[in-house]
Amino acid sequence: MIRARIGVYHQYLKEYFRVFPASQILVLKLEDYSKEPAEIIRKIFEFLELSAFPPEKLSNFTQSKKPANSRRTNDSTIGPMLPETRRLLQNFYWPHNEQLGALLGKTFNYNLDEMN
């Protein structure tokens, strides 16, 4: 089952921005957390105006055995995504990613990520 609408983030975020000021909303990419979990945790604490997370405890969160954005164990034998499937998903998400980029700025434009 494909749940494509879940990835149409701009629709959900627009609703939050109608209720809350942008200064009260922190949006992060899971991909960034996977690459630099300690930096993302630092950003979260800073955003929440909390004192820095103790470095000696940070490893409990950053030393995960499994990357944050990975397949479930049962799906690991399926193999890589077919090029046709990737193209179909890219075409579906392209306009939504453009709207997300317009809403949040270039750092959230997944279309630019796909080009690099």
PDB file of N, CA and C in Angstrom:
ATOM      1  N   MET A   1       0.846  -1.181   0.000  1.00  0.00           N
ATOM      2  CA  MET A   1       0.000   0.000   0.000  1.00  0.00           C
ATOM      3  C   MET A   1       0.889   1.242   0.000  1.00  0.00           C
ATOM      4  N   ILE A   2       0.600   2.169  -0.877  1.00  0.00           N
ATOM      5  CA  ILE A   2       1.340   3.417  -0.939  1.00  0.00           C
ATOM      6  C   ILE A   2       0.536   4.494  -0.230  1.00  0.00           C
ATOM      7  N   ARG A   3       1.189   5.178   0.692  1.00  0.00           N
ATOM      8  CA  ARG A   3       0.534   6.251   1.444  1.00  0.00           C
ATOM      9  C   ARG A   3       1.184   7.570   1.042  1.00  0.00           C
ATOM     10  N   ALA A   4       1.072   7.913  -0.223  1.00  0.00           N
ATOM     11  CA  ALA A   4       1.765   9.069  -0.779  1.00  0.00           C
ATOM     12  C   ALA A   4       1.365  10.381  -0.119  1.00  0.00           C
ATOM     13  N   ARG A   5       0.128  10.519   0.281  1.00  0.00           N
ATOM     14  CA  ARG A   5      -0.320  11.805   0.836  1.00  0.00           C
ATOM     15  C   ARG A   5       0.377  12.160   2.144  1.00  0.00           C
ATOM     16  N   ILE A   6       0.911  11.171   2.843  1.00  0.00           N
ATOM     17  CA  ILE A   6       1.630  11.442   4.089  1.00  0.00           C
ATOM     18  C   ILE A   6       2.835  12.340   3.824  1.00  0.00           C
ATOM     19  N   GLY A   7       3.465  12.205   2.666  1.00  0.00           N
ATOM     20  CA  GLY A   7       4.647  12.985   2.329  1.00  0.00           C
ATOM     21  C   GLY A   7       4.357  14.351   1.746  1.00  0.00           C
ATOM     22  N   VAL A   8       3.097  14.755   1.714  1.00  0.00           N
ATOM     23  CA  VAL A   8       2.733  16.074   1.193  1.00  0.00           C
ATOM     24  C   VAL A   8       2.748  17.040   2.381  1.00  0.00           C
ATOM     25  N   TYR A   9       3.958  17.340   2.845  1.00  0.00           N
ATOM     26  CA  TYR A   9       4.149  18.054   4.108  1.00  0.00           C
ATOM     27  C   TYR A   9       3.587  19.467   4.112  1.00  0.00           C
ATOM     28  N   HIS A  10       3.652  20.150   2.986  1.00  0.00           N
ATOM     29  CA  HIS A  10       3.216  21.554   2.976  1.00  0.00           C
ATOM     30  C   HIS A  10       1.756  21.697   3.374  1.00  0.00           C
ATOM     31  N   GLN A  11       0.923  20.723   3.049  1.00  0.00           N
ATOM     32  CA  GLN A  11      -0.490  20.813   3.409  1.00  0.00           C
ATOM     33  C   GLN A  11      -0.679  20.822   4.927  1.00  0.00           C
ATOM     34  N   TYR A  12       0.065  19.976   5.606  1.00  0.00           N
ATOM     35  CA  TYR A  12      -0.051  19.909   7.060  1.00  0.00           C
ATOM     36  C   TYR A  12       0.554  21.142   7.719  1.00  0.00           C
ATOM     37  N   LEU A  13       1.709  21.555   7.215  1.00  0.00           N
ATOM     38  CA  LEU A  13       2.399  22.701   7.820  1.00  0.00           C
ATOM     39  C   LEU A  13       1.620  24.000   7.651  1.00  0.00           C
ATOM     40  N   LYS A  14       0.945  24.169   6.523  1.00  0.00           N
ATOM     41  CA  LYS A  14       0.141  25.382   6.321  1.00  0.00           C
ATOM     42  C   LYS A  14      -0.907  25.529   7.416  1.00  0.00           C
ATOM     43  N   GLU A  15      -1.468  24.419   7.835  1.00  0.00           N
ATOM     44  CA  GLU A  15      -2.468  24.454   8.900  1.00  0.00           C
ATOM     45  C   GLU A  15      -1.848  24.910  10.218  1.00  0.00           C
ATOM     46  N   TYR A  16      -0.662  24.420  10.526  1.00  0.00           N
ATOM     47  CA  TYR A  16       0.029  24.864  11.743  1.00  0.00           C
ATOM     48  C   TYR A  16       0.345  26.357  11.679  1.00  0.00           C
ATOM     49  N   PHE A  17       0.796  26.828  10.507  1.00  0.00           N
ATOM     50  CA  PHE A  17       1.151  28.240  10.358  1.00  0.00           C
ATOM     51  C   PHE A  17      -0.073  29.155  10.449  1.00  0.00           C
ATOM     52  N   ARG A  18      -1.240  28.617  10.212  1.00  0.00           N
ATOM     53  CA  ARG A  18      -2.461  29.422  10.372  1.00  0.00           C
ATOM     54  C   ARG A  18      -2.764  29.680  11.845  1.00  0.00           C
ATOM     55  N   VAL A  19      -2.336  28.766  12.696  1.00  0.00           N
ATOM     56  CA  VAL A  19      -2.650  28.838  14.121  1.00  0.00           C
ATOM     57  C   VAL A  19      -1.484  29.403  14.935  1.00  0.00           C
ATOM     58  N   PHE A  20      -0.274  29.003  14.588  1.00  0.00           N
ATOM     59  CA  PHE A  20       0.903  29.388  15.369  1.00  0.00           C
ATOM     60  C   PHE A  20       1.828  30.271  14.537  1.00  0.00           C
ATOM     61  N   PRO A  21       2.513  31.215  15.179  1.00  0.00           N
ATOM     62  CA  PRO A  21       3.511  32.003  14.457  1.00  0.00           C
ATOM     63  C   PRO A  21       4.689  31.110  14.050  1.00  0.00           C
ATOM     64  N   ALA A  22       5.306  31.444  12.945  1.00  0.00           N
ATOM     65  CA  ALA A  22       6.427  30.650  12.439  1.00  0.00           C
ATOM     66  C   ALA A  22       7.549  30.529  13.462  1.00  0.00           C
ATOM     67  N   SER A  23       7.707  31.529  14.304  1.00  0.00           N
ATOM     68  CA  SER A  23       8.772  31.491  15.312  1.00  0.00           C
ATOM     69  C   SER A  23       8.560  30.391  16.351  1.00  0.00           C
ATOM     70  N   GLN A  24       7.360  29.830  16.412  1.00  0.00           N
ATOM     71  CA  GLN A  24       7.069  28.763  17.370  1.00  0.00           C
ATOM     72  C   GLN A  24       7.117  27.373  16.743  1.00  0.00           C
ATOM     73  N   ILE A  25       7.530  27.311  15.484  1.00  0.00           N
ATOM     74  CA  ILE A  25       7.535  26.032  14.778  1.00  0.00           C
ATOM     75  C   ILE A  25       8.942  25.734  14.282  1.00  0.00           C
ATOM     76  N   LEU A  26       9.439  24.566  14.609  1.00  0.00           N
ATOM     77  CA  LEU A  26      10.730  24.104  14.117  1.00  0.00           C
ATOM     78  C   LEU A  26      10.480  22.888  13.243  1.00  0.00           C
ATOM     79  N   VAL A  27      10.893  22.962  12.002  1.00  0.00           N
ATOM     80  CA  VAL A  27      10.720  21.857  11.068  1.00  0.00           C
ATOM     81  C   VAL A  27      12.114  21.359  10.697  1.00  0.00           C
ATOM     82  N   LEU A  28      12.310  20.072  10.831  1.00  0.00           N
ATOM     83  CA  LEU A  28      13.610  19.462  10.558  1.00  0.00           C
ATOM     84  C   LEU A  28      13.446  18.309   9.581  1.00  0.00           C
ATOM     85  N   LYS A  29      14.498  18.019   8.844  1.00  0.00           N
ATOM     86  CA  LYS A  29      14.500  16.875   7.938  1.00  0.00           C
ATOM     87  C   LYS A  29      15.047  15.646   8.660  1.00  0.00           C
ATOM     88  N   LEU A  30      14.374  14.535   8.495  1.00  0.00           N
ATOM     89  CA  LEU A  30      14.855  13.289   9.066  1.00  0.00           C
ATOM     90  C   LEU A  30      16.223  12.935   8.478  1.00  0.00           C
ATOM     91  N   GLU A  31      16.445  13.275   7.220  1.00  0.00           N
ATOM     92  CA  GLU A  31      17.729  13.002   6.576  1.00  0.00           C
ATOM     93  C   GLU A  31      18.866  13.727   7.304  1.00  0.00           C
ATOM     94  N   ASP A  32      18.594  14.947   7.757  1.00  0.00           N
ATOM     95  CA  ASP A  32      19.609  15.697   8.501  1.00  0.00           C
ATOM     96  C   ASP A  32      19.890  15.048   9.850  1.00  0.00           C
ATOM     97  N   TYR A  33      18.848  14.561  10.496  1.00  0.00           N
ATOM     98  CA  TYR A  33      19.034  13.860  11.773  1.00  0.00           C
ATOM     99  C   TYR A  33      19.858  12.591  11.558  1.00  0.00           C
ATOM    100  N   SER A  34      19.599  11.883  10.479  1.00  0.00           N
ATOM    101  CA  SER A  34      20.363  10.659  10.187  1.00  0.00           C
ATOM    102  C   SER A  34      21.840  10.963   9.984  1.00  0.00           C
ATOM    103  N   LYS A  35      22.137  12.098   9.351  1.00  0.00           N
ATOM    104  CA  LYS A  35      23.532  12.476   9.067  1.00  0.00           C
ATOM    105  C   LYS A  35      24.232  13.040  10.296  1.00  0.00           C
ATOM    106  N   GLU A  36      23.552  13.905  11.035  1.00  0.00           N
ATOM    107  CA  GLU A  36      24.173  14.604  12.163  1.00  0.00           C
ATOM    108  C   GLU A  36      23.211  14.691  13.351  1.00  0.00           C
ATOM    109  N   PRO A  37      22.958  13.564  14.009  1.00  0.00           N
ATOM    110  CA  PRO A  37      21.971  13.579  15.099  1.00  0.00           C
ATOM    111  C   PRO A  37      22.324  14.535  16.233  1.00  0.00           C
ATOM    112  N   ALA A  38      23.584  14.626  16.606  1.00  0.00           N
ATOM    113  CA  ALA A  38      23.966  15.512  17.710  1.00  0.00           C
ATOM    114  C   ALA A  38      23.673  16.968  17.371  1.00  0.00           C
ATOM    115  N   GLU A  39      23.926  17.368  16.135  1.00  0.00           N
ATOM    116  CA  GLU A  39      23.662  18.754  15.713  1.00  0.00           C
ATOM    117  C   GLU A  39      22.165  19.045  15.712  1.00  0.00           C
ATOM    118  N   ILE A  40      21.363  18.099  15.283  1.00  0.00           N
ATOM    119  CA  ILE A  40      19.913  18.307  15.263  1.00  0.00           C
ATOM    120  C   ILE A  40      19.368  18.375  16.693  1.00  0.00           C
ATOM    121  N   ILE A  41      19.862  17.540  17.575  1.00  0.00           N
ATOM    122  CA  ILE A  41      19.428  17.602  18.975  1.00  0.00           C
ATOM    123  C   ILE A  41      19.808  18.948  19.579  1.00  0.00           C
ATOM    124  N   ARG A  42      21.008  19.428  19.256  1.00  0.00           N
ATOM    125  CA  ARG A  42      21.439  20.753  19.733  1.00  0.00           C
ATOM    126  C   ARG A  42      20.477  21.831  19.245  1.00  0.00           C
ATOM    127  N   LYS A  43      20.069  21.767  17.961  1.00  0.00           N
ATOM    128  CA  LYS A  43      19.130  22.746  17.402  1.00  0.00           C
ATOM    129  C   LYS A  43      17.779  22.696  18.119  1.00  0.00           C
ATOM    130  N   ILE A  44      17.323  21.498  18.422  1.00  0.00           N
ATOM    131  CA  ILE A  44      16.037  21.348  19.109  1.00  0.00           C
ATOM    132  C   ILE A  44      16.101  21.981  20.493  1.00  0.00           C
ATOM    133  N   PHE A  45      17.147  21.677  21.227  1.00  0.00           N
ATOM    134  CA  PHE A  45      17.290  22.252  22.571  1.00  0.00           C
ATOM    135  C   PHE A  45      17.404  23.772  22.509  1.00  0.00           C
ATOM    136  N   GLU A  46      18.154  24.275  21.535  1.00  0.00           N
ATOM    137  CA  GLU A  46      18.295  25.724  21.377  1.00  0.00           C
ATOM    138  C   GLU A  46      16.947  26.359  21.035  1.00  0.00           C
ATOM    139  N   PHE A  47      16.195  25.732  20.129  1.00  0.00           N
ATOM    140  CA  PHE A  47      14.884  26.236  19.732  1.00  0.00           C
ATOM    141  C   PHE A  47      13.940  26.292  20.930  1.00  0.00           C
ATOM    142  N   LEU A  48      14.003  25.278  21.770  1.00  0.00           N
ATOM    143  CA  LEU A  48      13.131  25.209  22.950  1.00  0.00           C
ATOM    144  C   LEU A  48      13.659  26.031  24.123  1.00  0.00           C
ATOM    145  N   GLU A  49      14.789  26.679  23.901  1.00  0.00           N
ATOM    146  CA  GLU A  49      15.439  27.501  24.920  1.00  0.00           C
ATOM    147  C   GLU A  49      15.741  26.693  26.183  1.00  0.00           C
ATOM    148  N   LEU A  50      16.236  25.488  25.955  1.00  0.00           N
ATOM    149  CA  LEU A  50      16.661  24.608  27.047  1.00  0.00           C
ATOM    150  C   LEU A  50      18.181  24.650  27.140  1.00  0.00           C
ATOM    151  N   SER A  51      18.701  24.364  28.306  1.00  0.00           N
ATOM    152  CA  SER A  51      20.149  24.290  28.427  1.00  0.00           C
ATOM    153  C   SER A  51      20.645  23.124  27.577  1.00  0.00           C
ATOM    154  N   ALA A  52      21.878  23.212  27.160  1.00  0.00           N
ATOM    155  CA  ALA A  52      22.449  22.209  26.253  1.00  0.00           C
ATOM    156  C   ALA A  52      22.318  20.811  26.835  1.00  0.00           C
ATOM    157  N   PHE A  53      22.101  19.866  25.964  1.00  0.00           N
ATOM    158  CA  PHE A  53      22.000  18.469  26.369  1.00  0.00           C
ATOM    159  C   PHE A  53      23.381  18.002  26.821  1.00  0.00           C
ATOM    160  N   PRO A  54      23.476  17.340  27.957  1.00  0.00           N
ATOM    161  CA  PRO A  54      24.794  16.900  28.444  1.00  0.00           C
ATOM    162  C   PRO A  54      25.479  15.975  27.431  1.00  0.00           C
ATOM    163  N   PRO A  55      26.683  16.331  26.993  1.00  0.00           N
ATOM    164  CA  PRO A  55      27.373  15.530  25.968  1.00  0.00           C
ATOM    165  C   PRO A  55      27.526  14.061  26.345  1.00  0.00           C
ATOM    166  N   GLU A  56      27.727  13.777  27.630  1.00  0.00           N
ATOM    167  CA  GLU A  56      27.909  12.374  28.036  1.00  0.00           C
ATOM    168  C   GLU A  56      26.634  11.546  27.863  1.00  0.00           C
ATOM    169  N   LYS A  57      25.482  12.205  27.815  1.00  0.00           N
ATOM    170  CA  LYS A  57      24.214  11.488  27.611  1.00  0.00           C
ATOM    171  C   LYS A  57      23.771  11.513  26.154  1.00  0.00           C
ATOM    172  N   LEU A  58      24.382  12.367  25.375  1.00  0.00           N
ATOM    173  CA  LEU A  58      23.998  12.520  23.977  1.00  0.00           C
ATOM    174  C   LEU A  58      24.203  11.236  23.188  1.00  0.00           C
ATOM    175  N   SER A  59      25.218  10.480  23.529  1.00  0.00           N
ATOM    176  CA  SER A  59      25.493   9.242  22.787  1.00  0.00           C
ATOM    177  C   SER A  59      24.347   8.245  22.902  1.00  0.00           C
ATOM    178  N   ASN A  60      23.536   8.325  23.970  1.00  0.00           N
ATOM    179  CA  ASN A  60      22.370   7.444  24.082  1.00  0.00           C
ATOM    180  C   ASN A  60      21.407   7.651  22.926  1.00  0.00           C
ATOM    181  N   PHE A  61      21.365   8.864  22.374  1.00  0.00           N
ATOM    182  CA  PHE A  61      20.456   9.187  21.273  1.00  0.00           C
ATOM    183  C   PHE A  61      21.132   9.094  19.912  1.00  0.00           C
ATOM    184  N   THR A  62      22.423   9.308  19.887  1.00  0.00           N
ATOM    185  CA  THR A  62      23.098   9.410  18.595  1.00  0.00           C
ATOM    186  C   THR A  62      23.789   8.135  18.155  1.00  0.00           C
ATOM    187  N   GLN A  63      23.898   7.150  19.013  1.00  0.00           N
ATOM    188  CA  GLN A  63      24.585   5.894  18.674  1.00  0.00           C
ATOM    189  C   GLN A  63      23.584   4.794  18.360  1.00  0.00           C
ATOM    190  N   SER A  64      22.634   5.104  17.516  1.00  0.00           N
ATOM    191  CA  SER A  64      21.611   4.135  17.143  1.00  0.00           C
ATOM    192  C   SER A  64      22.218   3.022  16.294  1.00  0.00           C
ATOM    193  N   LYS A  65      21.746   1.825  16.493  1.00  0.00           N
ATOM    194  CA  LYS A  65      22.201   0.699  15.691  1.00  0.00           C
ATOM    195  C   LYS A  65      21.597   0.741  14.288  1.00  0.00           C
ATOM    196  N   LYS A  66      20.484   1.415  14.142  1.00  0.00           N
ATOM    197  CA  LYS A  66      19.769   1.461  12.873  1.00  0.00           C
ATOM    198  C   LYS A  66      19.550   2.925  12.494  1.00  0.00           C
ATOM    199  N   PRO A  67      19.894   3.307  11.259  1.00  0.00           N
ATOM    200  CA  PRO A  67      19.664   4.691  10.851  1.00  0.00           C
ATOM    201  C   PRO A  67      18.199   5.093  11.009  1.00  0.00           C
ATOM    202  N   ALA A  68      17.967   6.364  11.287  1.00  0.00           N
ATOM    203  CA  ALA A  68      16.610   6.862  11.532  1.00  0.00           C
ATOM    204  C   ALA A  68      15.701   6.680  10.322  1.00  0.00           C
ATOM    205  N   ASN A  69      16.253   6.730   9.141  1.00  0.00           N
ATOM    206  CA  ASN A  69      15.439   6.664   7.933  1.00  0.00           C
ATOM    207  C   ASN A  69      15.809   5.391   7.165  1.00  0.00           C
ATOM    208  N   SER A  70      15.410   4.239   7.682  1.00  0.00           N
ATOM    209  CA  SER A  70      15.765   2.975   7.045  1.00  0.00           C
ATOM    210  C   SER A  70      14.555   2.059   6.971  1.00  0.00           C
ATOM    211  N   ARG A  71      14.713   1.023   6.192  1.00  0.00           N
ATOM    212  CA  ARG A  71      13.624   0.065   6.020  1.00  0.00           C
ATOM    213  C   ARG A  71      13.418  -0.780   7.261  1.00  0.00           C
ATOM    214  N   ARG A  72      12.198  -1.281   7.365  1.00  0.00           N
ATOM    215  CA  ARG A  72      11.905  -2.248   8.421  1.00  0.00           C
ATOM    216  C   ARG A  72      12.654  -3.548   8.117  1.00  0.00           C
ATOM    217  N   THR A  73      12.941  -4.322   9.119  1.00  0.00           N
ATOM    218  CA  THR A  73      13.705  -5.555   8.955  1.00  0.00           C
ATOM    219  C   THR A  73      13.047  -6.472   7.927  1.00  0.00           C
ATOM    220  N   ASN A  74      11.740  -6.616   7.979  1.00  0.00           N
ATOM    221  CA  ASN A  74      11.036  -7.508   7.048  1.00  0.00           C
ATOM    222  C   ASN A  74      11.118  -7.036   5.602  1.00  0.00           C
ATOM    223  N   ASP A  75      11.384  -5.751   5.388  1.00  0.00           N
ATOM    224  CA  ASP A  75      11.448  -5.201   4.027  1.00  0.00           C
ATOM    225  C   ASP A  75      12.857  -5.205   3.452  1.00  0.00           C
ATOM    226  N   SER A  76      13.837  -5.608   4.225  1.00  0.00           N
ATOM    227  CA  SER A  76      15.230  -5.492   3.790  1.00  0.00           C
ATOM    228  C   SER A  76      15.578  -6.418   2.635  1.00  0.00           C
ATOM    229  N   THR A  77      14.797  -7.456   2.398  1.00  0.00           N
ATOM    230  CA  THR A  77      15.106  -8.393   1.316  1.00  0.00           C
ATOM    231  C   THR A  77      14.412  -8.036   0.017  1.00  0.00           C
ATOM    232  N   ILE A  78      13.637  -6.968   0.009  1.00  0.00           N
ATOM    233  CA  ILE A  78      12.888  -6.595  -1.192  1.00  0.00           C
ATOM    234  C   ILE A  78      13.806  -6.135  -2.311  1.00  0.00           C
ATOM    235  N   GLY A  79      14.886  -5.488  -1.973  1.00  0.00           N
ATOM    236  CA  GLY A  79      15.811  -4.971  -2.976  1.00  0.00           C
ATOM    237  C   GLY A  79      15.609  -3.484  -3.174  1.00  0.00           C
ATOM    238  N   PRO A  80      16.422  -2.880  -4.034  1.00  0.00           N
ATOM    239  CA  PRO A  80      16.335  -1.435  -4.243  1.00  0.00           C
ATOM    240  C   PRO A  80      15.053  -1.042  -4.985  1.00  0.00           C
ATOM    241  N   MET A  81      14.720   0.220  -4.863  1.00  0.00           N
ATOM    242  CA  MET A  81      13.543   0.741  -5.560  1.00  0.00           C
ATOM    243  C   MET A  81      13.773   0.692  -7.072  1.00  0.00           C
ATOM    244  N   LEU A  82      12.762   0.299  -7.793  1.00  0.00           N
ATOM    245  CA  LEU A  82      12.858   0.276  -9.250  1.00  0.00           C
ATOM    246  C   LEU A  82      12.958   1.708  -9.779  1.00  0.00           C
ATOM    247  N   PRO A  83      13.750   1.934 -10.820  1.00  0.00           N
ATOM    248  CA  PRO A  83      13.867   3.285 -11.391  1.00  0.00           C
ATOM    249  C   PRO A  83      12.512   3.868 -11.802  1.00  0.00           C
ATOM    250  N   GLU A  84      11.624   3.036 -12.312  1.00  0.00           N
ATOM    251  CA  GLU A  84      10.299   3.513 -12.729  1.00  0.00           C
ATOM    252  C   GLU A  84       9.496   4.003 -11.526  1.00  0.00           C
ATOM    253  N   THR A  85       9.626   3.285 -10.419  1.00  0.00           N
ATOM    254  CA  THR A  85       8.922   3.683  -9.193  1.00  0.00           C
ATOM    255  C   THR A  85       9.472   4.998  -8.674  1.00  0.00           C
ATOM    256  N   ARG A  86      10.796   5.132  -8.668  1.00  0.00           N
ATOM    257  CA  ARG A  86      11.424   6.384  -8.222  1.00  0.00           C
ATOM    258  C   ARG A  86      10.955   7.547  -9.084  1.00  0.00           C
ATOM    259  N   ARG A  87      10.925   7.358 -10.377  1.00  0.00           N
ATOM    260  CA  ARG A  87      10.482   8.410 -11.314  1.00  0.00           C
ATOM    261  C   ARG A  87       9.015   8.780 -11.051  1.00  0.00           C
ATOM    262  N   LEU A  88       8.173   7.781 -10.850  1.00  0.00           N
ATOM    263  CA  LEU A  88       6.762   8.018 -10.567  1.00  0.00           C
ATOM    264  C   LEU A  88       6.597   8.844  -9.288  1.00  0.00           C
ATOM    265  N   LEU A  89       7.318   8.475  -8.242  1.00  0.00           N
ATOM    266  CA  LEU A  89       7.238   9.209  -6.972  1.00  0.00           C
ATOM    267  C   LEU A  89       7.807  10.615  -7.107  1.00  0.00           C
ATOM    268  N   GLN A  90       8.907  10.768  -7.819  1.00  0.00           N
ATOM    269  CA  GLN A  90       9.479  12.103  -8.034  1.00  0.00           C
ATOM    270  C   GLN A  90       8.489  12.994  -8.774  1.00  0.00           C
ATOM    271  N   ASN A  91       7.843  12.464  -9.782  1.00  0.00           N
ATOM    272  CA  ASN A  91       6.855  13.250 -10.532  1.00  0.00           C
ATOM    273  C   ASN A  91       5.650  13.616  -9.665  1.00  0.00           C
ATOM    274  N   PHE A  92       5.219  12.690  -8.825  1.00  0.00           N
ATOM    275  CA  PHE A  92       4.085  12.970  -7.938  1.00  0.00           C
ATOM    276  C   PHE A  92       4.437  14.064  -6.933  1.00  0.00           C
ATOM    277  N   TYR A  93       5.617  13.933  -6.298  1.00  0.00           N
ATOM    278  CA  TYR A  93       5.987  14.857  -5.220  1.00  0.00           C
ATOM    279  C   TYR A  93       6.546  16.187  -5.712  1.00  0.00           C
ATOM    280  N   TRP A  94       6.975  16.282  -6.971  1.00  0.00           N
ATOM    281  CA  TRP A  94       7.616  17.503  -7.461  1.00  0.00           C
ATOM    282  C   TRP A  94       6.825  18.770  -7.137  1.00  0.00           C
ATOM    283  N   PRO A  95       5.552  18.885  -7.524  1.00  0.00           N
ATOM    284  CA  PRO A  95       4.831  20.135  -7.233  1.00  0.00           C
ATOM    285  C   PRO A  95       4.640  20.367  -5.729  1.00  0.00           C
ATOM    286  N   HIS A  96       4.476  19.306  -4.978  1.00  0.00           N
ATOM    287  CA  HIS A  96       4.318  19.436  -3.520  1.00  0.00           C
ATOM    288  C   HIS A  96       5.627  19.893  -2.877  1.00  0.00           C
ATOM    289  N   ASN A  97       6.740  19.366  -3.373  1.00  0.00           N
ATOM    290  CA  ASN A  97       8.041  19.785  -2.854  1.00  0.00           C
ATOM    291  C   ASN A  97       8.328  21.241  -3.203  1.00  0.00           C
ATOM    292  N   GLU A  98       7.871  21.691  -4.355  1.00  0.00           N
ATOM    293  CA  GLU A  98       8.025  23.101  -4.720  1.00  0.00           C
ATOM    294  C   GLU A  98       7.259  23.980  -3.723  1.00  0.00           C
ATOM    295  N   GLN A  99       6.058  23.567  -3.380  1.00  0.00           N
ATOM    296  CA  GLN A  99       5.262  24.332  -2.420  1.00  0.00           C
ATOM    297  C   GLN A  99       5.886  24.298  -1.022  1.00  0.00           C
ATOM    298  N   LEU A 100       6.453  23.170  -0.653  1.00  0.00           N
ATOM    299  CA  LEU A 100       7.141  23.064   0.634  1.00  0.00           C
ATOM    300  C   LEU A 100       8.356  23.994   0.654  1.00  0.00           C
ATOM    301  N   GLY A 101       9.110  24.010  -0.427  1.00  0.00           N
ATOM    302  CA  GLY A 101      10.260  24.899  -0.529  1.00  0.00           C
ATOM    303  C   GLY A 101       9.852  26.361  -0.444  1.00  0.00           C
ATOM    304  N   ALA A 102       8.740  26.715  -1.076  1.00  0.00           N
ATOM    305  CA  ALA A 102       8.241  28.091  -1.020  1.00  0.00           C
ATOM    306  C   ALA A 102       7.802  28.453   0.398  1.00  0.00           C
ATOM    307  N   LEU A 103       7.243  27.490   1.105  1.00  0.00           N
ATOM    308  CA  LEU A 103       6.756  27.724   2.465  1.00  0.00           C
ATOM    309  C   LEU A 103       7.900  27.853   3.472  1.00  0.00           C
ATOM    310  N   LEU A 104       8.920  26.997   3.330  1.00  0.00           N
ATOM    311  CA  LEU A 104       9.970  26.913   4.345  1.00  0.00           C
ATOM    312  C   LEU A 104      11.334  27.433   3.904  1.00  0.00           C
ATOM    313  N   GLY A 105      11.520  27.656   2.633  1.00  0.00           N
ATOM    314  CA  GLY A 105      12.820  28.099   2.135  1.00  0.00           C
ATOM    315  C   GLY A 105      13.551  26.984   1.406  1.00  0.00           C
ATOM    316  N   LYS A 106      14.610  27.362   0.727  1.00  0.00           N
ATOM    317  CA  LYS A 106      15.337  26.430  -0.134  1.00  0.00           C
ATOM    318  C   LYS A 106      15.843  25.178   0.566  1.00  0.00           C
ATOM    319  N   THR A 107      16.164  25.278   1.850  1.00  0.00           N
ATOM    320  CA  THR A 107      16.722  24.106   2.527  1.00  0.00           C
ATOM    321  C   THR A 107      15.732  22.953   2.619  1.00  0.00           C
ATOM    322  N   PHE A 108      14.471  23.234   2.365  1.00  0.00           N
ATOM    323  CA  PHE A 108      13.471  22.168   2.403  1.00  0.00           C
ATOM    324  C   PHE A 108      12.935  21.834   1.021  1.00  0.00           C
ATOM    325  N   ASN A 109      13.649  22.241  -0.001  1.00  0.00           N
ATOM    326  CA  ASN A 109      13.205  21.908  -1.355  1.00  0.00           C
ATOM    327  C   ASN A 109      13.835  20.574  -1.770  1.00  0.00           C
ATOM    328  N   TYR A 110      13.082  19.510  -1.579  1.00  0.00           N
ATOM    329  CA  TYR A 110      13.569  18.175  -1.907  1.00  0.00           C
ATOM    330  C   TYR A 110      13.847  18.032  -3.400  1.00  0.00           C
ATOM    331  N   ASN A 111      13.230  18.847  -4.229  1.00  0.00           N
ATOM    332  CA  ASN A 111      13.526  18.797  -5.659  1.00  0.00           C
ATOM    333  C   ASN A 111      14.969  19.172  -5.903  1.00  0.00           C
ATOM    334  N   LEU A 112      15.487  20.144  -5.161  1.00  0.00           N
ATOM    335  CA  LEU A 112      16.898  20.511  -5.295  1.00  0.00           C
ATOM    336  C   LEU A 112      17.780  19.372  -4.822  1.00  0.00           C
ATOM    337  N   ASP A 113      17.375  18.662  -3.765  1.00  0.00           N
ATOM    338  CA  ASP A 113      18.135  17.513  -3.277  1.00  0.00           C
ATOM    339  C   ASP A 113      18.247  16.452  -4.351  1.00  0.00           C
ATOM    340  N   GLU A 114      17.161  16.247  -5.111  1.00  0.00           N
ATOM    341  CA  GLU A 114      17.152  15.219  -6.153  1.00  0.00           C
ATOM    342  C   GLU A 114      18.105  15.557  -7.289  1.00  0.00           C
ATOM    343  N   MET A 115      18.323  16.850  -7.534  1.00  0.00           N
ATOM    344  CA  MET A 115      19.207  17.271  -8.622  1.00  0.00           C
ATOM    345  C   MET A 115      20.675  17.098  -8.263  1.00  0.00           C
ATOM    346  N   ASN A 116      20.992  17.111  -6.981  1.00  0.00           N
ATOM    347  CA  ASN A 116      22.402  17.033  -6.544  1.00  0.00           C
ATOM    348  C   ASN A 116      22.853  15.616  -6.378  1.00  0.00           C
TER     349      ASN A 116
END
